[in-house]
């Protein structure tokens, strides 16, 4: 009977440690580059994603369509994808091998995209 109560106590302690480690991610303050923001990290990331979306809309509507515009839109999209994967999909707390498995195809896709942008659109 003592072994069972000891096992239950250890399980409760382990569960409390896991809860404490995860509760640090959900604090009401976020520190970015030494600046404290009175909002949870998910709210700050959501705001950054919204600002990047408005930036993309402004670039797409206001600037002429050329290589620079396309590059700005691709870079903004990559930043948004990285924010979603790191924070909402919790990749920043996972094994670094998962990040490599994500970055390698992204890099190959980026190289292929820029290669296709370099191909002339007119007939030969």
Protein backbone atom coordinates (compact mmCIF):
# COMPACT_ATOMS: atom_id res chain seq x y z
CA UNK A 1 0.00 0.00 0.00
CA UNK A 2 2.89 2.34 0.72
CA UNK A 3 4.34 1.75 -2.74
CA UNK A 4 1.06 2.78 -4.34
CA UNK A 5 0.81 6.00 -2.31
CA UNK A 6 4.44 6.81 -3.08
CA UNK A 7 3.83 6.22 -6.79
CA UNK A 8 0.75 8.47 -6.70
CA UNK A 9 2.72 11.21 -4.93
CA UNK A 10 5.50 11.03 -7.54
CA UNK A 11 2.94 11.16 -10.35
CA UNK A 12 1.31 14.22 -8.80
CA UNK A 13 4.69 15.93 -8.42
CA UNK A 14 5.57 15.16 -12.05
CA UNK A 15 2.21 16.49 -13.22
CA UNK A 16 2.75 19.69 -11.21
CA UNK A 17 6.22 20.15 -12.74
CA UNK A 18 4.79 19.75 -16.24
CA UNK A 19 2.01 22.22 -15.41
CA UNK A 20 4.53 24.73 -14.04
CA UNK A 21 6.74 24.47 -17.12
CA UNK A 22 3.77 25.03 -19.44
CA UNK A 23 2.28 27.85 -17.38
CA UNK A 24 5.42 29.92 -18.04
CA UNK A 25 4.42 30.02 -21.72
CA UNK A 26 1.05 31.56 -20.90
CA UNK A 27 2.05 34.58 -18.84
CA UNK A 28 0.31 37.92 -19.34
CA UNK A 29 3.55 39.72 -20.23
CA UNK A 30 5.82 39.26 -23.21
CA UNK A 31 9.39 40.53 -23.46
CA UNK A 32 10.68 41.23 -26.98
CA UNK A 33 14.17 42.72 -27.36
CA UNK A 34 14.09 44.05 -23.82
CA UNK A 35 10.67 45.70 -24.23
CA UNK A 36 7.86 44.39 -22.01
CA UNK A 37 4.44 44.13 -23.64
CA UNK A 38 1.41 43.61 -21.41
CA UNK A 39 -0.10 40.85 -23.53
CA UNK A 40 0.34 37.08 -23.79
CA UNK A 41 2.76 35.80 -26.41
CA UNK A 42 -0.03 34.38 -28.57
CA UNK A 43 -1.71 37.79 -28.73
CA UNK A 44 1.58 39.43 -29.71
CA UNK A 45 2.16 36.84 -32.44
CA UNK A 46 -1.41 37.32 -33.66
CA UNK A 47 -0.80 41.08 -33.86
CA UNK A 48 2.44 40.53 -35.77
CA UNK A 49 0.63 38.22 -38.21
CA UNK A 50 -2.10 40.84 -38.70
CA UNK A 51 0.46 43.58 -39.35
CA UNK A 52 2.31 41.39 -41.84
CA UNK A 53 -0.98 40.66 -43.61
CA UNK A 54 -1.74 44.38 -43.92
CA UNK A 55 1.82 44.90 -45.18
CA UNK A 56 1.28 42.24 -47.84
CA UNK A 57 -1.99 43.83 -48.92
CA UNK A 58 -0.36 47.24 -49.18
CA UNK A 59 2.57 45.90 -51.19
CA UNK A 60 0.29 43.94 -53.52
CA UNK A 61 -2.08 46.85 -54.15
CA UNK A 62 0.21 49.90 -54.12
CA UNK A 63 3.49 48.80 -55.67
CA UNK A 64 3.94 47.86 -59.33
CA UNK A 65 4.30 44.16 -60.05
CA UNK A 66 7.98 43.35 -60.45
CA UNK A 67 10.75 41.26 -58.91
CA UNK A 68 11.05 43.48 -55.81
CA UNK A 69 7.32 43.29 -55.07
CA UNK A 70 7.32 39.52 -55.44
CA UNK A 71 10.39 39.21 -53.23
CA UNK A 72 8.77 41.35 -50.50
CA UNK A 73 5.62 39.23 -50.61
CA UNK A 74 7.57 35.96 -50.47
CA UNK A 75 9.68 37.16 -47.53
CA UNK A 76 6.60 38.38 -45.62
CA UNK A 77 4.89 35.04 -46.27
CA UNK A 78 7.91 33.12 -45.01
CA UNK A 79 8.03 35.24 -41.84
CA UNK A 80 4.33 34.57 -41.23
CA UNK A 81 4.79 30.84 -41.79
CA UNK A 82 7.73 30.74 -39.37
CA UNK A 83 5.74 32.58 -36.69
CA UNK A 84 2.82 30.16 -37.03
CA UNK A 85 5.05 27.10 -36.95
CA UNK A 86 7.18 28.29 -34.03
CA UNK A 87 4.43 29.53 -31.73
CA UNK A 88 1.07 28.03 -32.70
CA UNK A 89 2.49 24.63 -33.68
CA UNK A 90 5.03 24.76 -30.79
CA UNK A 91 8.07 23.89 -32.91
CA UNK A 92 10.35 26.13 -30.85
CA UNK A 93 10.02 23.69 -27.93
CA UNK A 94 10.42 20.51 -30.01
CA UNK A 95 13.39 18.52 -31.20
CA UNK A 96 15.67 20.52 -33.58
CA UNK A 97 15.44 17.66 -36.08
CA UNK A 98 11.82 18.67 -36.76
CA UNK A 99 12.99 22.19 -37.60
CA UNK A 100 15.52 20.78 -40.05
CA UNK A 101 12.81 18.63 -41.63
CA UNK A 102 10.78 21.80 -42.15
CA UNK A 103 13.56 24.17 -43.24
CA UNK A 104 15.17 21.93 -45.85
CA UNK A 105 12.08 21.63 -48.12
CA UNK A 106 11.34 25.32 -47.53
CA UNK A 107 14.82 26.23 -48.74
CA UNK A 108 14.47 24.00 -51.81
CA UNK A 109 11.06 25.53 -52.57
CA UNK A 110 12.48 29.04 -52.20
CA UNK A 111 15.32 28.30 -54.62
CA UNK A 112 12.84 26.78 -57.11
CA UNK A 113 10.54 29.79 -56.81
CA UNK A 114 13.30 32.28 -57.53
CA UNK A 115 14.51 30.12 -60.41
CA UNK A 116 11.02 30.18 -61.93
CA UNK A 117 10.82 33.94 -61.43
CA UNK A 118 14.02 34.32 -63.45
CA UNK A 119 12.52 32.51 -66.46
CA UNK A 120 11.26 35.06 -69.02
CA UNK A 121 7.48 35.12 -69.50
CA UNK A 122 7.61 36.14 -73.15
CA UNK A 123 7.90 33.68 -76.00
CA UNK A 124 11.28 32.60 -77.23
